[in-house]
Amino acid sequence: MLGLEAAVKDTRFPDGWGYFDFGGGESLRAETTALPQTERCYGCHKANTAVENTFVQFYPTLMEVARKMGTVKPTYDPNHKVTP
């Protein structure tokens, strides 16, 4: 089953990020609205990502670029295990 979720960076959202769930399989929707700020994706992304609210640490090429550009969050801990 295929599902579609998205993280969108935009100043219209509190903290600059909105998270969307378009469903999956036969319930896949063409349109949706941002998930409420109480959804766990907001807290998980804020606490566990290496660059802004993105998980670049799981993509070696992107992580290398982030280190070179100096965009890795000072609070990022490479030894921290992310649990969904």
PDB file of N, CA and C in Angstrom:
ATOM      1  N   MET A   1       0.842  -1.180   0.000  1.00  0.00           N
ATOM      2  CA  MET A   1       0.000   0.000   0.000  1.00  0.00           C
ATOM      3  C   MET A   1       0.886   1.241   0.000  1.00  0.00           C
ATOM      4  N   LEU A   2       0.563   2.171  -0.823  1.00  0.00           N
ATOM      5  CA  LEU A   2       1.284   3.419  -0.953  1.00  0.00           C
ATOM      6  C   LEU A   2       0.603   4.491  -0.127  1.00  0.00           C
ATOM      7  N   GLY A   3       1.386   5.258   0.606  1.00  0.00           N
ATOM      8  CA  GLY A   3       0.860   6.385   1.365  1.00  0.00           C
ATOM      9  C   GLY A   3       1.653   7.628   1.023  1.00  0.00           C
ATOM     10  N   LEU A   4       1.062   8.778   1.236  1.00  0.00           N
ATOM     11  CA  LEU A   4       1.743  10.027   0.911  1.00  0.00           C
ATOM     12  C   LEU A   4       1.620  11.005   2.076  1.00  0.00           C
ATOM     13  N   GLU A   5       2.776  11.407   2.596  1.00  0.00           N
ATOM     14  CA  GLU A   5       2.849  12.432   3.626  1.00  0.00           C
ATOM     15  C   GLU A   5       3.824  13.484   3.149  1.00  0.00           C
ATOM     16  N   ALA A   6       3.677  14.708   3.627  1.00  0.00           N
ATOM     17  CA  ALA A   6       4.563  15.785   3.189  1.00  0.00           C
ATOM     18  C   ALA A   6       4.848  16.749   4.335  1.00  0.00           C
ATOM     19  N   ALA A   7       6.060  17.268   4.329  1.00  0.00           N
ATOM     20  CA  ALA A   7       6.460  18.350   5.230  1.00  0.00           C
ATOM     21  C   ALA A   7       6.708  19.565   4.350  1.00  0.00           C
ATOM     22  N   VAL A   8       6.097  20.683   4.713  1.00  0.00           N
ATOM     23  CA  VAL A   8       6.188  21.887   3.891  1.00  0.00           C
ATOM     24  C   VAL A   8       6.713  23.040   4.739  1.00  0.00           C
ATOM     25  N   LYS A   9       7.772  23.668   4.243  1.00  0.00           N
ATOM     26  CA  LYS A   9       8.320  24.846   4.919  1.00  0.00           C
ATOM     27  C   LYS A   9       7.656  26.083   4.332  1.00  0.00           C
ATOM     28  N   ASP A  10       6.984  26.856   5.198  1.00  0.00           N
ATOM     29  CA  ASP A  10       6.262  28.035   4.734  1.00  0.00           C
ATOM     30  C   ASP A  10       5.987  28.928   5.943  1.00  0.00           C
ATOM     31  N   THR A  11       6.118  30.218   5.772  1.00  0.00           N
ATOM     32  CA  THR A  11       5.916  31.160   6.869  1.00  0.00           C
ATOM     33  C   THR A  11       4.467  31.210   7.350  1.00  0.00           C
ATOM     34  N   ARG A  12       3.542  30.639   6.599  1.00  0.00           N
ATOM     35  CA  ARG A  12       2.137  30.625   7.026  1.00  0.00           C
ATOM     36  C   ARG A  12       1.907  29.698   8.215  1.00  0.00           C
ATOM     37  N   PHE A  13       2.838  28.789   8.472  1.00  0.00           N
ATOM     38  CA  PHE A  13       2.669  27.825   9.555  1.00  0.00           C
ATOM     39  C   PHE A  13       3.414  28.281  10.801  1.00  0.00           C
ATOM     40  N   PRO A  14       2.841  27.995  11.989  1.00  0.00           N
ATOM     41  CA  PRO A  14       3.577  28.277  13.225  1.00  0.00           C
ATOM     42  C   PRO A  14       4.901  27.518  13.192  1.00  0.00           C
ATOM     43  N   ASP A  15       5.952  28.095  13.623  1.00  0.00           N
ATOM     44  CA  ASP A  15       7.298  27.505  13.585  1.00  0.00           C
ATOM     45  C   ASP A  15       7.807  27.278  12.158  1.00  0.00           C
ATOM     46  N   GLY A  16       7.056  27.731  11.153  1.00  0.00           N
ATOM     47  CA  GLY A  16       7.528  27.665   9.776  1.00  0.00           C
ATOM     48  C   GLY A  16       7.364  26.345   9.048  1.00  0.00           C
ATOM     49  N   TRP A  17       6.751  25.330   9.680  1.00  0.00           N
ATOM     50  CA  TRP A  17       6.585  24.023   9.042  1.00  0.00           C
ATOM     51  C   TRP A  17       5.163  23.522   9.209  1.00  0.00           C
ATOM     52  N   GLY A  18       4.637  22.879   8.148  1.00  0.00           N
ATOM     53  CA  GLY A  18       3.338  22.217   8.199  1.00  0.00           C
ATOM     54  C   GLY A  18       3.500  20.785   7.734  1.00  0.00           C
ATOM     55  N   TYR A  19       2.748  19.881   8.342  1.00  0.00           N
ATOM     56  CA  TYR A  19       2.814  18.460   7.992  1.00  0.00           C
ATOM     57  C   TYR A  19       1.454  18.012   7.481  1.00  0.00           C
ATOM     58  N   PHE A  20       1.481  17.212   6.424  1.00  0.00           N
ATOM     59  CA  PHE A  20       0.266  16.817   5.725  1.00  0.00           C
ATOM     60  C   PHE A  20       0.223  15.306   5.547  1.00  0.00           C
ATOM     61  N   ASP A  21      -0.975  14.744   5.620  1.00  0.00           N
ATOM     62  CA  ASP A  21      -1.197  13.319   5.387  1.00  0.00           C
ATOM     63  C   ASP A  21      -2.268  13.200   4.306  1.00  0.00           C
ATOM     64  N   PHE A  22      -1.880  12.669   3.158  1.00  0.00           N
ATOM     65  CA  PHE A  22      -2.803  12.515   2.041  1.00  0.00           C
ATOM     66  C   PHE A  22      -3.448  11.135   2.001  1.00  0.00           C
ATOM     67  N   GLY A  23      -3.190  10.322   3.019  1.00  0.00           N
ATOM     68  CA  GLY A  23      -3.782   8.987   3.058  1.00  0.00           C
ATOM     69  C   GLY A  23      -2.974   8.008   2.227  1.00  0.00           C
ATOM     70  N   GLY A  24      -3.613   6.918   1.857  1.00  0.00           N
ATOM     71  CA  GLY A  24      -2.917   5.910   1.080  1.00  0.00           C
ATOM     72  C   GLY A  24      -3.876   4.925   0.436  1.00  0.00           C
ATOM     73  N   GLY A  25      -3.339   4.165  -0.506  1.00  0.00           N
ATOM     74  CA  GLY A  25      -4.136   3.160  -1.203  1.00  0.00           C
ATOM     75  C   GLY A  25      -5.353   3.778  -1.857  1.00  0.00           C
ATOM     76  N   GLU A  26      -6.488   3.132  -1.652  1.00  0.00           N
ATOM     77  CA  GLU A  26      -7.730   3.634  -2.249  1.00  0.00           C
ATOM     78  C   GLU A  26      -8.243   4.894  -1.565  1.00  0.00           C
ATOM     79  N   SER A  27      -7.708   5.203  -0.382  1.00  0.00           N
ATOM     80  CA  SER A  27      -8.142   6.418   0.326  1.00  0.00           C
ATOM     81  C   SER A  27      -7.201   7.594   0.088  1.00  0.00           C
ATOM     82  N   LEU A  28      -6.297   7.485  -0.908  1.00  0.00           N
ATOM     83  CA  LEU A  28      -5.383   8.577  -1.242  1.00  0.00           C
ATOM     84  C   LEU A  28      -6.190   9.787  -1.712  1.00  0.00           C
ATOM     85  N   ARG A  29      -5.921  10.941  -1.101  1.00  0.00           N
ATOM     86  CA  ARG A  29      -6.659  12.159  -1.413  1.00  0.00           C
ATOM     87  C   ARG A  29      -5.809  13.114  -2.254  1.00  0.00           C
ATOM     88  N   ALA A  30      -6.452  13.878  -3.112  1.00  0.00           N
ATOM     89  CA  ALA A  30      -5.759  14.876  -3.927  1.00  0.00           C
ATOM     90  C   ALA A  30      -5.506  16.152  -3.131  1.00  0.00           C
ATOM     91  N   GLU A  31      -6.310  16.397  -2.104  1.00  0.00           N
ATOM     92  CA  GLU A  31      -6.168  17.600  -1.291  1.00  0.00           C
ATOM     93  C   GLU A  31      -6.299  17.239   0.183  1.00  0.00           C
ATOM     94  N   THR A  32      -5.665  18.024   1.025  1.00  0.00           N
ATOM     95  CA  THR A  32      -5.771  17.855   2.471  1.00  0.00           C
ATOM     96  C   THR A  32      -5.371  19.164   3.131  1.00  0.00           C
ATOM     97  N   THR A  33      -5.496  19.228   4.430  1.00  0.00           N
ATOM     98  CA  THR A  33      -5.067  20.405   5.176  1.00  0.00           C
ATOM     99  C   THR A  33      -3.946  19.996   6.121  1.00  0.00           C
ATOM    100  N   ALA A  34      -3.233  20.979   6.625  1.00  0.00           N
ATOM    101  CA  ALA A  34      -2.128  20.695   7.549  1.00  0.00           C
ATOM    102  C   ALA A  34      -2.654  19.987   8.790  1.00  0.00           C
ATOM    103  N   LEU A  35      -1.870  19.044   9.274  1.00  0.00           N
ATOM    104  CA  LEU A  35      -2.224  18.344  10.505  1.00  0.00           C
ATOM    105  C   LEU A  35      -2.166  19.318  11.674  1.00  0.00           C
ATOM    106  N   PRO A  36      -2.952  19.076  12.718  1.00  0.00           N
ATOM    107  CA  PRO A  36      -2.912  19.958  13.896  1.00  0.00           C
ATOM    108  C   PRO A  36      -1.527  19.950  14.544  1.00  0.00           C
ATOM    109  N   GLN A  37      -1.162  21.042  15.173  1.00  0.00           N
ATOM    110  CA  GLN A  37       0.129  21.174  15.848  1.00  0.00           C
ATOM    111  C   GLN A  37       0.325  20.133  16.946  1.00  0.00           C
ATOM    112  N   THR A  38      -0.733  19.490  17.381  1.00  0.00           N
ATOM    113  CA  THR A  38      -0.646  18.484  18.436  1.00  0.00           C
ATOM    114  C   THR A  38      -0.186  17.120  17.924  1.00  0.00           C
ATOM    115  N   GLU A  39      -0.123  16.931  16.611  1.00  0.00           N
ATOM    116  CA  GLU A  39       0.319  15.649  16.054  1.00  0.00           C
ATOM    117  C   GLU A  39       1.792  15.437  16.375  1.00  0.00           C
ATOM    118  N   ARG A  40       2.182  14.190  16.579  1.00  0.00           N
ATOM    119  CA  ARG A  40       3.541  13.868  17.024  1.00  0.00           C
ATOM    120  C   ARG A  40       4.625  14.207  16.002  1.00  0.00           C
ATOM    121  N   CYS A  41       4.277  14.327  14.726  1.00  0.00           N
ATOM    122  CA  CYS A  41       5.299  14.637  13.721  1.00  0.00           C
ATOM    123  C   CYS A  41       5.977  15.977  14.019  1.00  0.00           C
ATOM    124  N   TYR A  42       5.230  16.953  14.535  1.00  0.00           N
ATOM    125  CA  TYR A  42       5.811  18.259  14.836  1.00  0.00           C
ATOM    126  C   TYR A  42       6.915  18.141  15.886  1.00  0.00           C
ATOM    127  N   GLY A  43       6.612  17.493  16.984  1.00  0.00           N
ATOM    128  CA  GLY A  43       7.585  17.343  18.064  1.00  0.00           C
ATOM    129  C   GLY A  43       8.765  16.471  17.676  1.00  0.00           C
ATOM    130  N   CYS A  44       8.495  15.398  16.942  1.00  0.00           N
ATOM    131  CA  CYS A  44       9.575  14.492  16.529  1.00  0.00           C
ATOM    132  C   CYS A  44      10.551  15.196  15.594  1.00  0.00           C
ATOM    133  N   HIS A  45      10.023  15.909  14.603  1.00  0.00           N
ATOM    134  CA  HIS A  45      10.897  16.619  13.668  1.00  0.00           C
ATOM    135  C   HIS A  45      11.704  17.692  14.381  1.00  0.00           C
ATOM    136  N   LYS A  46      11.076  18.402  15.290  1.00  0.00           N
ATOM    137  CA  LYS A  46      11.772  19.474  16.006  1.00  0.00           C
ATOM    138  C   LYS A  46      12.895  18.924  16.886  1.00  0.00           C
ATOM    139  N   ALA A  47      12.655  17.781  17.509  1.00  0.00           N
ATOM    140  CA  ALA A  47      13.610  17.227  18.473  1.00  0.00           C
ATOM    141  C   ALA A  47      14.700  16.348  17.857  1.00  0.00           C
ATOM    142  N   ASN A  48      14.440  15.747  16.709  1.00  0.00           N
ATOM    143  CA  ASN A  48      15.332  14.693  16.224  1.00  0.00           C
ATOM    144  C   ASN A  48      16.040  14.941  14.897  1.00  0.00           C
ATOM    145  N   THR A  49      15.833  16.074  14.295  1.00  0.00           N
ATOM    146  CA  THR A  49      16.418  16.310  12.974  1.00  0.00           C
ATOM    147  C   THR A  49      17.754  17.039  13.047  1.00  0.00           C
ATOM    148  N   ALA A  50      18.563  16.827  12.039  1.00  0.00           N
ATOM    149  CA  ALA A  50      19.898  17.422  11.999  1.00  0.00           C
ATOM    150  C   ALA A  50      19.902  18.831  11.411  1.00  0.00           C
ATOM    151  N   VAL A  51      19.047  19.091  10.466  1.00  0.00           N
ATOM    152  CA  VAL A  51      19.004  20.398   9.800  1.00  0.00           C
ATOM    153  C   VAL A  51      17.553  20.874   9.763  1.00  0.00           C
ATOM    154  N   GLU A  52      17.315  22.018  10.395  1.00  0.00           N
ATOM    155  CA  GLU A  52      15.954  22.548  10.535  1.00  0.00           C
ATOM    156  C   GLU A  52      15.051  21.417  10.987  1.00  0.00           C
ATOM    157  N   ASN A  53      13.994  21.126  10.254  1.00  0.00           N
ATOM    158  CA  ASN A  53      13.075  20.039  10.613  1.00  0.00           C
ATOM    159  C   ASN A  53      13.194  18.876   9.638  1.00  0.00           C
ATOM    160  N   THR A  54      14.373  18.681   9.076  1.00  0.00           N
ATOM    161  CA  THR A  54      14.569  17.627   8.079  1.00  0.00           C
ATOM    162  C   THR A  54      15.568  16.584   8.562  1.00  0.00           C
ATOM    163  N   PHE A  55      15.310  15.343   8.206  1.00  0.00           N
ATOM    164  CA  PHE A  55      16.140  14.216   8.623  1.00  0.00           C
ATOM    165  C   PHE A  55      17.285  13.952   7.640  1.00  0.00           C
ATOM    166  N   VAL A  56      18.106  14.954   7.369  1.00  0.00           N
ATOM    167  CA  VAL A  56      19.213  14.768   6.422  1.00  0.00           C
ATOM    168  C   VAL A  56      20.249  13.779   6.937  1.00  0.00           C
ATOM    169  N   GLN A  57      20.254  13.504   8.245  1.00  0.00           N
ATOM    170  CA  GLN A  57      21.242  12.584   8.792  1.00  0.00           C
ATOM    171  C   GLN A  57      21.102  11.167   8.216  1.00  0.00           C
ATOM    172  N   PHE A  58      19.976  10.856   7.609  1.00  0.00           N
ATOM    173  CA  PHE A  58      19.787   9.534   7.010  1.00  0.00           C
ATOM    174  C   PHE A  58      20.207   9.493   5.539  1.00  0.00           C
ATOM    175  N   TYR A  59      20.732  10.589   5.037  1.00  0.00           N
ATOM    176  CA  TYR A  59      21.174  10.697   3.645  1.00  0.00           C
ATOM    177  C   TYR A  59      22.609  11.208   3.645  1.00  0.00           C
ATOM    178  N   PRO A  60      23.597  10.303   3.539  1.00  0.00           N
ATOM    179  CA  PRO A  60      25.007  10.692   3.686  1.00  0.00           C
ATOM    180  C   PRO A  60      25.434  11.880   2.826  1.00  0.00           C
ATOM    181  N   THR A  61      24.985  11.947   1.595  1.00  0.00           N
ATOM    182  CA  THR A  61      25.384  13.059   0.729  1.00  0.00           C
ATOM    183  C   THR A  61      24.839  14.382   1.268  1.00  0.00           C
ATOM    184  N   LEU A  62      23.575  14.384   1.688  1.00  0.00           N
ATOM    185  CA  LEU A  62      22.983  15.611   2.229  1.00  0.00           C
ATOM    186  C   LEU A  62      23.631  16.018   3.543  1.00  0.00           C
ATOM    187  N   MET A  63      23.952  15.043   4.378  1.00  0.00           N
ATOM    188  CA  MET A  63      24.590  15.348   5.660  1.00  0.00           C
ATOM    189  C   MET A  63      25.972  15.951   5.440  1.00  0.00           C
ATOM    190  N   GLU A  64      26.693  15.444   4.468  1.00  0.00           N
ATOM    191  CA  GLU A  64      28.016  15.996   4.144  1.00  0.00           C
ATOM    192  C   GLU A  64      27.888  17.458   3.711  1.00  0.00           C
ATOM    193  N   VAL A  65      26.913  17.742   2.878  1.00  0.00           N
ATOM    194  CA  VAL A  65      26.683  19.121   2.427  1.00  0.00           C
ATOM    195  C   VAL A  65      26.294  20.006   3.620  1.00  0.00           C
ATOM    196  N   ALA A  66      25.429  19.506   4.484  1.00  0.00           N
ATOM    197  CA  ALA A  66      25.006  20.285   5.653  1.00  0.00           C
ATOM    198  C   ALA A  66      26.192  20.618   6.552  1.00  0.00           C
ATOM    199  N   ARG A  67      27.088  19.666   6.726  1.00  0.00           N
ATOM    200  CA  ARG A  67      28.283  19.934   7.539  1.00  0.00           C
ATOM    201  C   ARG A  67      29.156  20.999   6.875  1.00  0.00           C
ATOM    202  N   LYS A  68      29.361  20.864   5.571  1.00  0.00           N
ATOM    203  CA  LYS A  68      30.183  21.837   4.848  1.00  0.00           C
ATOM    204  C   LYS A  68      29.570  23.236   4.884  1.00  0.00           C
ATOM    205  N   MET A  69      28.243  23.299   4.812  1.00  0.00           N
ATOM    206  CA  MET A  69      27.552  24.592   4.783  1.00  0.00           C
ATOM    207  C   MET A  69      27.310  25.151   6.190  1.00  0.00           C
ATOM    208  N   GLY A  70      27.568  24.345   7.213  1.00  0.00           N
ATOM    209  CA  GLY A  70      27.379  24.797   8.584  1.00  0.00           C
ATOM    210  C   GLY A  70      25.925  24.920   8.999  1.00  0.00           C
ATOM    211  N   THR A  71      25.048  24.095   8.409  1.00  0.00           N
ATOM    212  CA  THR A  71      23.622  24.196   8.717  1.00  0.00           C
ATOM    213  C   THR A  71      23.122  23.128   9.695  1.00  0.00           C
ATOM    214  N   VAL A  72      24.010  22.282  10.188  1.00  0.00           N
ATOM    215  CA  VAL A  72      23.605  21.273  11.162  1.00  0.00           C
ATOM    216  C   VAL A  72      23.264  21.985  12.472  1.00  0.00           C
ATOM    217  N   LYS A  73      22.124  21.618  13.071  1.00  0.00           N
ATOM    218  CA  LYS A  73      21.690  22.255  14.311  1.00  0.00           C
ATOM    219  C   LYS A  73      22.719  22.011  15.412  1.00  0.00           C
ATOM    220  N   PRO A  74      23.021  23.011  16.222  1.00  0.00           N
ATOM    221  CA  PRO A  74      23.982  22.819  17.313  1.00  0.00           C
ATOM    222  C   PRO A  74      23.502  21.783  18.326  1.00  0.00           C
ATOM    223  N   THR A  75      22.199  21.560  18.386  1.00  0.00           N
ATOM    224  CA  THR A  75      21.636  20.591  19.334  1.00  0.00           C
ATOM    225  C   THR A  75      21.597  19.168  18.780  1.00  0.00           C
ATOM    226  N   TYR A  76      21.973  18.989  17.523  1.00  0.00           N
ATOM    227  CA  TYR A  76      21.916  17.655  16.912  1.00  0.00           C
ATOM    228  C   TYR A  76      22.927  16.718  17.569  1.00  0.00           C
ATOM    229  N   ASP A  77      22.475  15.543  17.970  1.00  0.00           N
ATOM    230  CA  ASP A  77      23.315  14.527  18.592  1.00  0.00           C
ATOM    231  C   ASP A  77      23.373  13.314  17.663  1.00  0.00           C
ATOM    232  N   PRO A  78      24.510  13.064  17.007  1.00  0.00           N
ATOM    233  CA  PRO A  78      24.596  11.951  16.066  1.00  0.00           C
ATOM    234  C   PRO A  78      24.437  10.582  16.728  1.00  0.00           C
ATOM    235  N   ASN A  79      24.549  10.502  18.036  1.00  0.00           N
ATOM    236  CA  ASN A  79      24.398   9.229  18.748  1.00  0.00           C
ATOM    237  C   ASN A  79      22.967   8.982  19.220  1.00  0.00           C
ATOM    238  N   HIS A  80      22.100   9.978  19.049  1.00  0.00           N
ATOM    239  CA  HIS A  80      20.706   9.848  19.464  1.00  0.00           C
ATOM    240  C   HIS A  80      19.962   8.960  18.472  1.00  0.00           C
ATOM    241  N   LYS A  81      19.246   7.970  18.985  1.00  0.00           N
ATOM    242  CA  LYS A  81      18.444   7.078  18.143  1.00  0.00           C
ATOM    243  C   LYS A  81      17.045   7.653  18.012  1.00  0.00           C
ATOM    244  N   VAL A  82      16.610   7.825  16.771  1.00  0.00           N
ATOM    245  CA  VAL A  82      15.267   8.340  16.494  1.00  0.00           C
ATOM    246  C   VAL A  82      14.291   7.175  16.536  1.00  0.00           C
ATOM    247  N   THR A  83      13.250   7.322  17.333  1.00  0.00           N
ATOM    248  CA  THR A  83      12.204   6.295  17.374  1.00  0.00           C
ATOM    249  C   THR A  83      10.883   6.917  16.984  1.00  0.00           C
ATOM    250  N   PRO A  84      10.246   6.362  15.955  1.00  0.00           N
ATOM    251  CA  PRO A  84       8.970   6.928  15.497  1.00  0.00           C
ATOM    252  C   PRO A  84       7.856   6.791  16.513  1.00  0.00           C
TER     253      PRO A  84
END
